[in-house]
Protein backbone atom coordinates (compact mmCIF):
# COMPACT_ATOMS: atom_id res chain seq x y z
CA MET A 1 -11.40 4.50 52.95
CA ASP A 2 -8.21 4.81 51.06
CA GLU A 3 -8.34 4.12 47.40
CA ASN A 4 -5.97 1.15 47.65
CA GLU A 5 -7.58 -0.37 50.81
CA THR A 6 -9.42 -3.42 50.03
CA LEU A 7 -12.90 -4.09 50.86
CA THR A 8 -14.13 -7.71 51.55
CA GLN A 9 -18.08 -7.99 51.07
CA GLU A 10 -20.45 -10.95 51.03
CA LEU A 11 -22.58 -11.24 48.02
CA CYS A 12 -24.87 -14.19 48.23
CA ASP A 13 -25.06 -17.89 49.14
CA GLU A 14 -23.31 -20.40 46.72
CA SER A 15 -26.70 -21.77 45.91
CA GLU A 16 -28.32 -18.41 44.71
CA LEU A 17 -26.67 -18.10 41.49
CA LYS A 18 -27.89 -20.97 38.87
CA GLU A 19 -25.08 -22.13 36.28
CA GLY A 20 -24.90 -19.35 33.47
CA GLU A 21 -26.60 -16.75 35.54
CA MET A 22 -25.41 -13.24 35.80
CA ARG A 23 -26.32 -10.78 38.77
CA GLU A 24 -25.54 -7.32 39.47
CA PHE A 25 -24.65 -6.39 43.21
CA GLU A 26 -23.72 -3.18 44.67
CA VAL A 27 -20.24 -3.10 46.43
CA GLY A 28 -18.98 -0.14 48.24
CA GLY A 29 -21.66 2.06 46.54
CA HIS A 30 -20.88 0.71 43.12
CA PRO A 31 -22.36 -2.04 41.01
CA ILE A 32 -20.52 -5.12 39.95
CA LEU A 33 -21.46 -8.04 37.96
CA LEU A 34 -21.48 -11.47 39.46
CA VAL A 35 -21.13 -14.64 37.17
CA LYS A 36 -21.53 -18.05 37.51
CA SER A 37 -20.19 -20.22 34.44
CA ASN A 38 -18.92 -23.80 34.25
CA GLY A 39 -19.42 -24.10 38.11
CA ALA A 40 -16.80 -21.10 38.97
CA PHE A 41 -17.74 -17.72 40.14
CA SER A 42 -16.16 -14.34 38.66
CA ALA A 43 -16.94 -10.68 39.09
CA VAL A 44 -16.30 -7.91 36.70
CA GLY A 45 -17.62 -4.29 35.95
CA SER A 46 -21.16 -4.26 35.49
CA LYS A 47 -21.39 -1.80 32.43
CA CYS A 48 -20.27 -2.25 28.83
CA THR A 49 -17.48 0.12 28.31
CA HIS A 50 -18.76 1.36 24.96
CA TYR A 51 -21.93 3.19 25.76
CA GLY A 52 -22.70 1.91 29.48
CA ALA A 53 -25.24 -0.75 28.66
CA PRO A 54 -26.19 -3.14 31.54
CA LEU A 55 -24.19 -6.38 31.12
CA SER A 56 -26.57 -8.27 33.17
CA LYS A 57 -28.92 -7.88 30.57
CA GLY A 58 -26.40 -9.19 27.80
CA VAL A 59 -25.61 -12.90 26.78
CA LEU A 60 -23.53 -15.22 28.60
CA ALA A 61 -21.64 -17.77 26.44
CA GLY A 62 -18.84 -19.75 28.13
CA GLU A 63 -16.52 -17.27 29.55
CA ARG A 64 -17.69 -14.29 27.48
CA VAL A 65 -20.41 -11.96 28.02
CA ARG A 66 -21.87 -10.02 25.14
CA CYS A 67 -23.21 -6.46 25.25
CA PRO A 68 -27.20 -6.30 24.84
CA TRP A 69 -27.17 -3.03 22.77
CA HIS A 70 -24.08 -3.22 20.25
CA GLY A 71 -22.54 -6.77 20.70
CA ALA A 72 -19.25 -6.02 22.50
CA CYS A 73 -17.90 -8.94 24.28
CA PHE A 74 -15.74 -9.34 27.49
CA ASN A 75 -13.84 -12.31 29.12
CA ILE A 76 -15.60 -12.72 32.54
CA LYS A 77 -12.27 -13.90 33.82
CA THR A 78 -10.23 -11.21 32.95
CA GLY A 79 -12.57 -8.55 32.01
CA ASP A 80 -10.56 -8.09 28.86
CA ILE A 81 -12.49 -6.80 25.58
CA GLU A 82 -12.70 -9.42 22.91
CA GLU A 83 -15.06 -8.28 20.62
CA TYR A 84 -16.25 -4.73 19.51
CA PRO A 85 -17.19 -1.90 19.43
CA GLY A 86 -15.52 -0.03 22.36
CA LEU A 87 -11.64 0.21 23.30
CA ASP A 88 -11.67 -0.49 27.26
CA SER A 89 -11.78 -3.56 29.29
CA LEU A 90 -13.83 -4.10 32.40
CA PRO A 91 -12.32 -3.71 35.83
CA CYS A 92 -11.95 -7.43 37.29
CA PHE A 93 -12.29 -8.48 40.95
CA LYS A 94 -11.04 -11.38 43.27
CA VAL A 95 -14.10 -13.78 44.23
CA THR A 96 -13.88 -16.25 47.02
CA VAL A 97 -16.27 -18.90 48.36
CA GLN A 98 -15.88 -19.59 52.07
CA ASN A 99 -18.47 -21.80 54.00
CA GLY A 100 -21.15 -21.62 51.10
CA LYS A 101 -20.87 -17.70 50.82
CA VAL A 102 -19.67 -15.93 47.73
CA CYS A 103 -17.48 -12.92 48.70
CA ILE A 104 -15.71 -10.34 46.78
CA VAL A 105 -12.27 -8.76 47.46
CA ALA A 106 -11.88 -5.30 45.60
CA SER A 107 -9.90 -2.05 46.36
CA LYS A 108 -11.97 1.23 46.26
CA LYS A 109 -9.95 2.27 43.06
CA ALA A 110 -11.00 -0.63 40.98
CA LEU A 111 -14.81 -0.30 42.28
CA GLU A 112 -14.82 3.29 41.18
CA SER A 113 -13.46 2.43 37.63
CA VAL A 114 -16.00 1.68 35.13
CA LYS A 115 -13.40 0.87 32.43
CA ARG A 116 -9.98 -0.27 32.35
CA VAL A 117 -7.22 0.50 29.43
CA LYS A 118 -5.00 -2.88 29.03
CA SER A 119 -1.60 -2.43 29.92
CA MET A 120 0.78 -1.18 27.09
CA SER A 121 4.37 -1.38 26.10
CA SER A 122 6.39 1.99 25.98
CA ARG A 123 8.28 3.43 23.00
CA CYS A 124 11.88 2.16 23.02
CA ALA A 125 14.40 4.42 20.98
CA ALA A 126 16.51 1.17 20.40
CA ASP A 127 13.65 -0.25 18.25
CA ARG A 128 14.15 1.57 14.93
CA SER A 129 11.06 0.04 12.90
CA THR A 130 8.06 2.42 12.33
CA VAL A 131 4.19 1.23 11.74
CA ALA A 132 2.74 4.20 9.74
CA ILE A 133 -1.12 4.10 9.86
CA ILE A 134 -3.04 6.23 7.47
CA GLY A 135 -6.37 7.17 9.05
CA THR A 136 -7.61 7.66 12.42
CA GLY A 137 -10.80 5.93 12.77
CA PRO A 138 -11.51 2.79 14.82
CA ALA A 139 -9.47 0.41 12.73
CA ALA A 140 -6.45 2.77 12.91
CA LEU A 141 -6.71 3.35 16.51
CA VAL A 142 -7.32 -0.17 17.75
CA CYS A 143 -4.56 -1.06 15.64
CA ALA A 144 -2.23 1.31 17.38
CA GLU A 145 -3.29 0.23 20.76
CA THR A 146 -3.18 -3.42 19.91
CA LEU A 147 0.50 -2.96 18.99
CA ARG A 148 1.28 -1.27 22.17
CA GLN A 149 -0.69 -3.98 24.22
CA GLU A 150 1.02 -6.70 22.30
CA GLY A 151 4.63 -5.43 23.40
CA TYR A 152 5.63 -3.32 20.26
CA THR A 153 8.00 -0.91 20.97
CA GLY A 154 8.86 0.80 17.79
CA ARG A 155 7.39 4.04 16.37
CA ILE A 156 3.75 4.21 15.63
CA VAL A 157 2.60 7.33 13.43
CA MET A 158 -1.09 7.73 12.91
CA VAL A 159 -1.75 10.35 10.01
CA THR A 160 -4.94 12.26 9.07
CA ARG A 161 -6.10 15.04 6.81
CA GLU A 162 -8.35 16.36 9.67
CA LYS A 163 -7.91 18.47 12.50
CA HIS A 164 -8.62 15.88 15.34
CA VAL A 165 -7.38 12.96 17.02
CA PRO A 166 -9.77 10.00 16.67
CA TYR A 167 -13.49 10.61 17.53
CA ASP A 168 -16.58 8.75 17.47
CA ARG A 169 -17.82 9.26 13.96
CA THR A 170 -21.27 7.44 14.83
CA LYS A 171 -22.41 10.38 16.62
CA LEU A 172 -21.97 12.93 13.90
CA SER A 173 -25.46 11.98 12.74
CA LYS A 174 -27.14 11.55 15.81
CA VAL A 175 -25.79 14.36 18.08
CA MET A 176 -24.82 16.96 15.20
CA ASN A 177 -24.35 19.80 17.34
CA ALA A 178 -21.74 18.03 19.60
CA LYS A 179 -18.23 19.75 19.73
CA ALA A 180 -15.58 17.52 18.50
CA THR A 181 -13.45 17.15 21.84
CA ASP A 182 -16.56 15.94 23.32
CA ILE A 183 -16.56 12.93 21.12
CA TYR A 184 -12.87 11.89 21.10
CA LEU A 185 -12.34 8.35 21.62
CA ARG A 186 -9.06 9.37 23.32
CA ARG A 187 -7.89 12.39 24.97
CA PRO A 188 -4.62 14.07 23.21
CA GLU A 189 -2.37 13.20 26.23
CA PHE A 190 -3.27 9.55 25.81
CA PHE A 191 -1.26 9.31 22.81
CA LEU A 192 1.57 11.02 24.23
CA ALA A 193 1.48 8.63 27.15
CA HIS A 194 1.80 5.85 25.02
CA GLY A 195 4.26 6.93 22.42
CA ILE A 196 1.59 7.03 19.70
CA GLU A 197 2.21 10.00 17.31
CA VAL A 198 -1.07 11.64 15.77
CA TRP A 199 -0.29 14.02 12.57
CA THR A 200 -3.07 15.83 11.97
CA GLU A 201 -4.02 18.08 8.76
CA LYS A 202 -1.43 15.94 6.98
CA GLU A 203 -2.93 14.52 3.49
CA VAL A 204 -1.33 11.47 1.84
CA VAL A 205 -1.00 11.78 -1.89
CA SER A 206 0.73 8.68 -2.85
CA VAL A 207 2.39 5.31 -1.50
CA ASN A 208 5.77 4.25 -2.66
CA ALA A 209 5.41 0.46 -1.91
CA ASP A 210 9.04 -0.33 -3.32
CA GLY A 211 10.79 2.42 -1.24
CA ALA A 212 8.48 1.92 1.69
CA LYS A 213 7.55 5.59 1.56
CA ILE A 214 4.45 7.77 2.04
CA GLN A 215 4.50 11.09 0.41
CA PHE A 216 2.29 14.07 1.79
CA LYS A 217 0.61 16.91 0.02
CA ASP A 218 3.10 19.22 1.62
CA GLY A 219 6.10 17.37 -0.14
CA SER A 220 7.35 15.62 3.33
CA LEU A 221 7.78 11.90 3.56
CA LEU A 222 7.41 9.13 5.91
CA GLN A 223 9.42 5.78 5.89
CA TYR A 224 7.81 2.89 7.41
CA SER A 225 8.36 -0.74 8.17
CA GLN A 226 5.16 -1.67 8.01
CA LEU A 227 1.78 0.20 6.81
CA LEU A 228 -1.87 -0.03 7.68
CA VAL A 229 -4.34 1.69 5.25
CA ALA A 230 -7.44 2.52 7.11
CA THR A 231 -8.74 5.48 5.47
CA GLY A 232 -12.46 4.62 5.28
CA SER A 233 -14.97 6.04 2.98
CA ARG A 234 -16.13 9.28 1.95
CA PRO A 235 -19.67 10.35 1.00
CA ARG A 236 -20.47 10.58 -2.60
CA ALA A 237 -21.28 13.99 -3.81
CA PRO A 238 -24.50 14.76 -5.86
CA GLN A 239 -23.90 14.74 -9.67
CA CYS A 240 -26.93 16.82 -10.58
CA PRO A 241 -26.90 20.50 -11.73
CA GLY A 242 -26.67 22.88 -8.58
CA ALA A 243 -24.63 20.27 -6.46
CA THR A 244 -22.02 23.20 -5.78
CA LEU A 245 -24.42 25.67 -4.39
CA LYS A 246 -23.99 26.90 -0.86
CA ASN A 247 -25.58 24.94 1.83
CA VAL A 248 -25.43 21.71 -0.15
CA PHE A 249 -23.58 19.51 2.26
CA LEU A 250 -21.95 16.26 2.79
CA LEU A 251 -21.46 14.76 6.25
CA ARG A 252 -17.86 13.16 7.07
CA THR A 253 -16.46 15.32 9.82
CA PRO A 254 -17.45 17.04 12.98
CA GLU A 255 -16.98 20.54 11.20
CA ASP A 256 -19.70 19.32 8.66
CA ALA A 257 -22.17 18.18 11.39
CA ASN A 258 -21.95 21.45 13.33
CA ALA A 259 -22.40 23.39 9.99
CA ILE A 260 -25.41 21.51 9.00
CA SER A 261 -26.86 21.85 12.52
CA GLU A 262 -26.34 25.60 12.71
CA ALA A 263 -27.70 26.04 9.15
CA ALA A 264 -30.89 23.96 9.50
CA VAL A 265 -32.47 25.84 12.38
CA GLY A 266 -35.85 27.09 11.34
CA ARG A 267 -35.16 26.32 7.60
CA SER A 268 -36.29 23.97 4.97
CA VAL A 269 -34.26 21.01 4.92
CA VAL A 270 -33.94 18.37 2.24
CA ILE A 271 -32.23 15.00 2.69
CA MET A 272 -31.14 13.31 -0.51
CA GLY A 273 -31.03 9.22 0.19
CA THR A 274 -32.45 7.00 2.58
CA SER A 275 -29.28 5.78 4.04
CA PHE A 276 -28.88 5.26 7.96
CA ILE A 277 -27.06 8.41 8.24
CA GLY A 278 -29.59 10.39 6.17
CA MET A 279 -32.57 9.15 8.50
CA GLU A 280 -30.44 9.77 11.64
CA VAL A 281 -29.91 13.19 10.16
CA ALA A 282 -33.74 13.54 9.62
CA ALA A 283 -34.52 12.57 13.15
CA PHE A 284 -32.15 14.87 14.55
CA LEU A 285 -33.31 17.82 12.64
CA SER A 286 -37.05 17.05 12.89
CA ASP A 287 -37.59 19.45 15.75
CA LYS A 288 -35.18 22.05 14.70
CA ALA A 289 -35.78 22.88 11.12
CA SER A 290 -38.92 24.43 9.84
CA SER A 291 -39.39 21.45 7.54
CA VAL A 292 -37.69 18.18 6.83
CA SER A 293 -37.95 16.39 3.34
CA VAL A 294 -36.39 13.18 2.28
CA ILE A 295 -35.97 12.03 -1.27
CA GLY A 296 -35.42 8.38 -1.88
CA ARG A 297 -35.20 5.97 -4.94
CA SER A 298 -36.64 3.01 -2.89
CA GLU A 299 -40.30 2.77 -1.56
CA VAL A 300 -39.12 2.96 1.81
CA PRO A 301 -35.95 3.86 3.86
CA PHE A 302 -33.44 1.11 4.65
CA GLN A 303 -35.34 -1.15 2.05
CA ALA A 304 -32.26 -2.97 0.62
CA VAL A 305 -30.75 -4.11 4.09
CA LEU A 306 -33.75 -4.23 6.24
CA GLY A 307 -36.82 -4.88 4.03
CA ARG A 308 -39.97 -3.17 3.50
CA GLN A 309 -41.64 -4.02 6.64
CA ILE A 310 -38.69 -2.72 8.83
CA GLY A 311 -38.39 0.48 6.34
CA GLU A 312 -42.08 1.37 6.84
CA VAL A 313 -41.66 1.17 10.61
CA ALA A 314 -38.79 3.67 10.34
CA MET A 315 -40.74 6.01 8.02
CA LYS A 316 -43.71 5.94 10.45
CA LEU A 317 -41.47 7.11 13.31
CA LEU A 318 -40.20 10.10 11.20
CA GLN A 319 -43.55 10.92 9.60
CA GLU A 320 -45.08 11.24 13.25
CA ARG A 321 -42.50 13.80 13.92
CA GLY A 322 -43.39 15.76 10.91
CA VAL A 323 -40.87 14.45 8.28
CA THR A 324 -42.08 14.30 4.76
CA PHE A 325 -40.91 11.56 2.22
CA HIS A 326 -40.96 11.70 -1.67
CA MET A 327 -40.13 8.02 -2.56
CA GLY A 328 -39.53 6.33 -5.68
CA THR A 329 -37.65 9.43 -7.09
CA GLU A 330 -34.43 11.26 -7.09
CA ALA A 331 -33.20 15.00 -7.48
CA ARG A 332 -32.82 15.99 -11.04
CA GLU A 333 -31.47 19.65 -10.37
CA LEU A 334 -30.72 21.65 -7.26
CA ARG A 335 -31.88 25.42 -8.07
CA GLY A 336 -30.49 28.46 -6.15
CA ASP A 337 -30.63 32.24 -5.78
CA ASN A 338 -27.25 34.18 -5.68
CA GLY A 339 -25.35 31.00 -5.12
CA GLN A 340 -27.52 29.86 -2.39
CA VAL A 341 -29.50 26.76 -2.79
CA LYS A 342 -33.37 27.23 -2.66
CA GLU A 343 -35.31 24.37 -4.25
CA VAL A 344 -34.68 20.51 -5.23
CA VAL A 345 -36.63 19.64 -8.42
CA PHE A 346 -37.48 15.98 -8.86
CA ARG A 347 -37.24 13.88 -11.85
CA ASN A 348 -40.87 14.29 -12.55
CA GLY A 349 -40.56 17.92 -12.42
CA SER A 350 -42.02 18.67 -9.13
CA HIS A 351 -40.15 20.42 -6.38
CA VAL A 352 -39.61 21.08 -2.69
CA PRO A 353 -38.06 24.40 -1.16
CA ALA A 354 -34.81 23.75 0.23
CA ASP A 355 -32.48 26.28 2.15
CA VAL A 356 -30.36 23.26 3.34
CA VAL A 357 -29.60 19.90 1.33
CA VAL A 358 -27.89 17.13 2.90
CA ALA A 359 -26.71 14.40 0.39
CA GLY A 360 -26.65 10.71 1.94
CA ILE A 361 -26.46 8.94 -1.36
CA GLY A 362 -23.68 6.49 -0.53
CA VAL A 363 -19.99 6.25 0.08
CA SER A 364 -16.71 5.37 -1.88
CA PRO A 365 -13.61 3.92 -0.42
CA VAL A 366 -10.79 6.36 -0.03
CA SER A 367 -8.09 4.53 -1.73
CA ARG A 368 -7.17 7.14 -4.69
CA PHE A 369 -3.63 7.74 -3.18
CA LEU A 370 -2.66 4.06 -3.75
CA LYS A 371 -2.88 4.45 -7.62
CA GLY A 372 0.53 2.96 -8.99
CA SER A 373 1.38 1.53 -5.57
CA LYS A 374 0.81 -2.06 -6.74
CA VAL A 375 -1.82 -2.47 -3.82
CA ALA A 376 -4.62 -4.22 -5.52
CA VAL A 377 -8.27 -2.69 -5.42
CA ASP A 378 -11.51 -3.68 -6.97
CA SER A 379 -13.59 -1.82 -9.21
CA THR A 380 -14.93 0.36 -6.48
CA GLY A 381 -11.63 1.13 -4.94
CA ALA A 382 -11.62 -1.20 -1.88
CA VAL A 383 -8.44 -2.72 -0.97
CA TYR A 384 -8.15 -6.56 -1.44
CA VAL A 385 -7.03 -8.13 1.83
CA ASP A 386 -6.78 -11.69 3.08
CA GLN A 387 -7.87 -13.11 6.10
CA TYR A 388 -5.05 -11.52 7.87
CA MET A 389 -5.76 -8.21 6.62
CA ARG A 390 -2.71 -8.40 4.41
CA SER A 391 -3.03 -6.64 1.04
CA SER A 392 -1.34 -7.75 -2.22
CA VAL A 393 1.95 -5.91 -1.23
CA PRO A 394 4.37 -7.38 1.64
CA ASN A 395 4.09 -5.26 4.86
CA ILE A 396 1.19 -3.22 3.69
CA PHE A 397 -2.11 -3.90 5.69
CA ALA A 398 -5.60 -2.51 5.24
CA ALA A 399 -8.57 -2.47 7.55
CA GLY A 400 -12.12 -0.90 7.95
CA ASP A 401 -14.40 0.37 5.38
CA VAL A 402 -11.82 0.55 2.79
CA VAL A 403 -11.23 -3.10 2.41
CA SER A 404 -12.80 -6.13 0.61
CA PHE A 405 -12.01 -9.11 3.01
CA PRO A 406 -13.15 -12.71 3.36
CA LEU A 407 -16.00 -12.98 5.68
CA ALA A 408 -15.81 -15.77 7.99
CA MET A 409 -19.54 -16.23 8.33
CA MET A 410 -20.04 -16.46 4.47
CA GLU A 411 -17.55 -19.04 4.13
CA GLY A 412 -14.77 -16.60 3.02
CA ARG A 413 -16.88 -14.81 0.47
CA ARG A 414 -15.60 -11.30 -0.16
CA ALA A 415 -17.39 -8.36 1.24
CA ASN A 416 -17.23 -4.70 2.14
CA VAL A 417 -18.67 -4.02 5.27
CA GLY A 418 -19.01 -0.56 6.46
CA HIS A 419 -19.61 -0.92 10.20
CA TRP A 420 -18.08 0.66 13.22
CA GLN A 421 -17.74 -2.58 14.96
CA MET A 422 -16.12 -4.50 12.10
CA ALA A 423 -13.59 -1.59 11.87
CA HIS A 424 -12.40 -2.35 15.39
CA SER A 425 -12.16 -5.92 14.66
CA HIS A 426 -10.16 -5.42 11.36
CA GLY A 427 -7.62 -2.97 13.33
CA ARG A 428 -7.08 -5.45 16.18
CA ILE A 429 -6.40 -8.42 13.43
CA ALA A 430 -4.06 -6.09 11.26
CA ALA A 431 -2.09 -5.49 14.61
CA LEU A 432 -1.49 -9.09 15.53
CA ASN A 433 -0.62 -10.10 12.02
CA MET A 434 1.89 -7.16 11.79
CA LEU A 435 3.51 -8.80 14.85
CA SER A 436 3.61 -12.24 12.84
CA LYS A 437 0.61 -13.82 15.08
CA GLN A 438 -1.20 -15.35 12.29
CA VAL A 439 -4.59 -14.66 13.60
CA PRO A 440 -7.55 -14.55 10.86
CA VAL A 441 -10.32 -12.09 10.97
CA ASN A 442 -13.31 -13.92 12.59
CA SER A 443 -16.14 -11.52 13.50
CA VAL A 444 -20.04 -11.26 12.75
CA PRO A 445 -20.99 -7.77 11.41
CA PHE A 446 -23.00 -5.65 14.00
CA PHE A 447 -24.57 -2.34 13.68
CA TRP A 448 -27.28 -0.22 14.95
CA THR A 449 -29.03 3.02 14.25
CA SER A 450 -30.95 5.26 16.31
CA LEU A 451 -34.14 7.30 15.44
CA LEU A 452 -35.91 9.38 17.88
CA GLY A 453 -35.11 7.41 20.85
CA LYS A 454 -35.76 4.08 19.21
CA SER A 455 -32.94 1.77 18.22
CA ILE A 456 -32.94 -0.85 15.49
CA ARG A 457 -29.93 -3.58 16.13
CA TYR A 458 -28.58 -5.67 13.23
CA ALA A 459 -26.25 -8.83 13.15
CA GLY A 460 -25.09 -10.92 10.36
CA PHE A 461 -24.68 -10.50 6.50
CA GLY A 462 -28.04 -10.36 4.96
CA GLU A 463 -27.15 -9.47 1.08
CA GLY A 464 -29.22 -11.53 -1.38
CA TYR A 465 -31.88 -12.68 1.52
CA THR A 466 -35.00 -13.82 -0.03
CA GLN A 467 -37.40 -13.81 2.88
CA ILE A 468 -38.15 -12.16 6.25
CA VAL A 469 -39.65 -13.89 9.22
CA VAL A 470 -40.87 -11.18 11.52
CA LYS A 471 -41.71 -11.88 15.26
CA GLY A 472 -43.30 -9.58 17.62
CA SER A 473 -45.38 -6.33 16.61
CA LEU A 474 -44.37 -3.84 14.09
CA GLU A 475 -46.97 -1.57 15.10
CA GLU A 476 -45.83 -1.37 18.68
CA PHE A 477 -42.29 -1.03 17.72
CA LYS A 478 -41.09 -4.29 19.21
CA PHE A 479 -39.92 -6.68 16.58
CA LEU A 480 -37.43 -9.39 15.75
CA ALA A 481 -36.78 -10.09 12.16
CA PHE A 482 -34.78 -12.91 10.83
CA TYR A 483 -33.44 -12.70 7.10
CA ILE A 484 -33.46 -16.04 5.31
CA LYS A 485 -31.40 -17.21 2.24
CA ASP A 486 -31.39 -20.70 1.02
CA ASP A 487 -33.35 -21.73 3.94
CA PHE A 488 -30.86 -20.50 6.57
CA VAL A 489 -30.86 -17.33 8.85
CA VAL A 490 -28.12 -14.93 7.54
CA ALA A 491 -29.07 -11.99 9.35
CA VAL A 492 -31.27 -10.36 12.21
CA SER A 493 -32.67 -7.09 13.09
CA SER A 494 -34.71 -5.90 16.04
CA MET A 495 -36.41 -3.04 18.03
CA ASN A 496 -37.10 -3.50 21.54
CA PHE A 497 -36.25 -6.99 21.63
CA ASP A 498 -32.72 -7.27 23.35
CA PRO A 499 -30.81 -9.14 23.79
CA MET A 500 -31.75 -11.41 20.98
CA VAL A 501 -29.72 -9.91 18.17
CA SER A 502 -26.70 -10.43 20.28
CA GLN A 503 -27.65 -13.96 21.17
CA VAL A 504 -28.09 -14.80 17.10
CA ALA A 505 -24.61 -12.92 16.74
CA ASP A 506 -23.12 -15.47 19.44
CA VAL A 507 -24.64 -18.41 17.61
CA MET A 508 -23.38 -17.03 14.03
CA LEU A 509 -19.80 -16.56 15.59
CA SER A 510 -19.69 -20.21 16.75
CA GLY A 511 -20.06 -21.41 13.24
CA ARG A 512 -23.51 -23.02 13.91
CA ARG A 513 -26.23 -22.14 11.50
CA ILE A 514 -29.98 -21.42 12.35
CA THR A 515 -32.60 -22.85 9.88
CA LYS A 516 -35.62 -21.17 8.68
CA GLU A 517 -37.81 -23.90 10.28
CA GLU A 518 -36.04 -23.48 13.63
CA VAL A 519 -37.20 -19.73 13.79
CA LEU A 520 -40.83 -20.43 12.83
CA PRO A 521 -42.46 -21.90 15.79
CA GLU A 522 -43.60 -19.54 18.65
CA ASP A 523 -41.08 -21.11 20.81
CA PHE A 524 -38.19 -19.80 18.77
CA MET A 525 -36.68 -17.83 21.63
CA SER A 526 -35.78 -20.89 23.68
CA LEU A 527 -34.14 -22.55 20.71
CA ILE A 528 -31.83 -19.40 19.99
CA THR A 529 -31.14 -19.54 23.95
CA ARG A 530 -30.15 -23.28 23.76
CA ARG A 531 -28.04 -22.53 20.76
CA THR A 532 -26.20 -19.81 22.72
CA GLN A 533 -25.55 -21.96 25.63
CA ASP A 534 -24.25 -24.78 23.07
CA THR A 535 -21.54 -22.35 21.95
CA ALA A 536 -19.99 -22.30 25.13
CA THR A 537 -19.31 -26.13 24.45
CA CYS A 538 -18.00 -25.48 20.96
């Protein structure tokens, strides 16, 4: 069969699919997703373009299907990606109904495509404008791609102090020995094809907002028409004595991940802090290092965000793999021999051997280069932006981990949300508003962590929660936790309870609120399902 030759195949009787049902079919040896919504049939690719989750197990709300794993959303009529994470859209197929039979019409090429890049405009020399983007994370990349998808023909320049084109930073702590090129989000030739310049190993030292210029460490300048600051955050370095000893690591780049992975084999590893990154590092190294110890101020990992009960589950998983925890304390000193770290001394004077130390004690926004630029930042260094991702200076936008922005689900209360998914969303909104589309940011925070083959999903914004309602079994690693504040659900987390976190995220996105009383009964799942279906009519 020629790749452009079309194939017509009968899928099912019209009556076989109920309203709101999704079902996977095989066509020409490839899976597709058939959906019935509002009485009409549509067909798209069956796998999420992010990490390949089966969308038939996801959540259908109106004309959108949400991935059960990480919350990405796709339009069932066009296949276009409408919520993140991920970059690509789904292939979309023609569906016909004849004599009560549902049929699909598709080319071999379309069936073989698991993902689709939206069409983009080309660079036009006659357009003398320049969009400069500082950073190459997801906010930066989505901004650049959205500009081209929306018809922008001017110059786009992305700059980074690193050696690489944009890569999947979430994998640095999960697959620490991965080659940088294996986790690139786009191949270098992609940027050439779409007229997007990527300047690597180029460090920004200042921004002249009045003159619309960026100055680099090497003394060169870049004039811009509009600027996006998407520099993310950097890990905080330990402040205790011995922090500069050899084999004391921060994790920020592929080079950092590779160096930690290599140095840890057969050695004693100590992880400072119980952050998500720190626990993922502990999980990855648990069967490679001779020992892994974790130091944390809280009673259990993730306590502030996920609560004590969920933290205990994570701790149990890691303890079963031989990870030792020293909680309710912190490092007082790192001691070494010949410049090489050898042990970590705790606040109470006790100590553990350490050939390798990894610090995961928080992050800070990368914004120091904005000093003197008139771009307003808060006390942490986060850039103030409005709902359109605009900073306090005209033509300067900011997105991702580096910003403080009004969170729609919290009625516009400001937040700094360091999630991979949210950075994608910020990048899109910034691009649309650079093009004067006046589209506000409206996305529900969604993140995940993976520990030893088990994933915890989370959606919402649970800061200040006062109660947790847990469903399922923590002991069996199958649970759903609702975080309550002022008698309303403000966040949800789960393990082996898909697609409930995605369902709750859809309800939150619609603006509808879930009360504490609604999640207390045993049949709470049917309530959430009804709420999700209701969002389709909002």
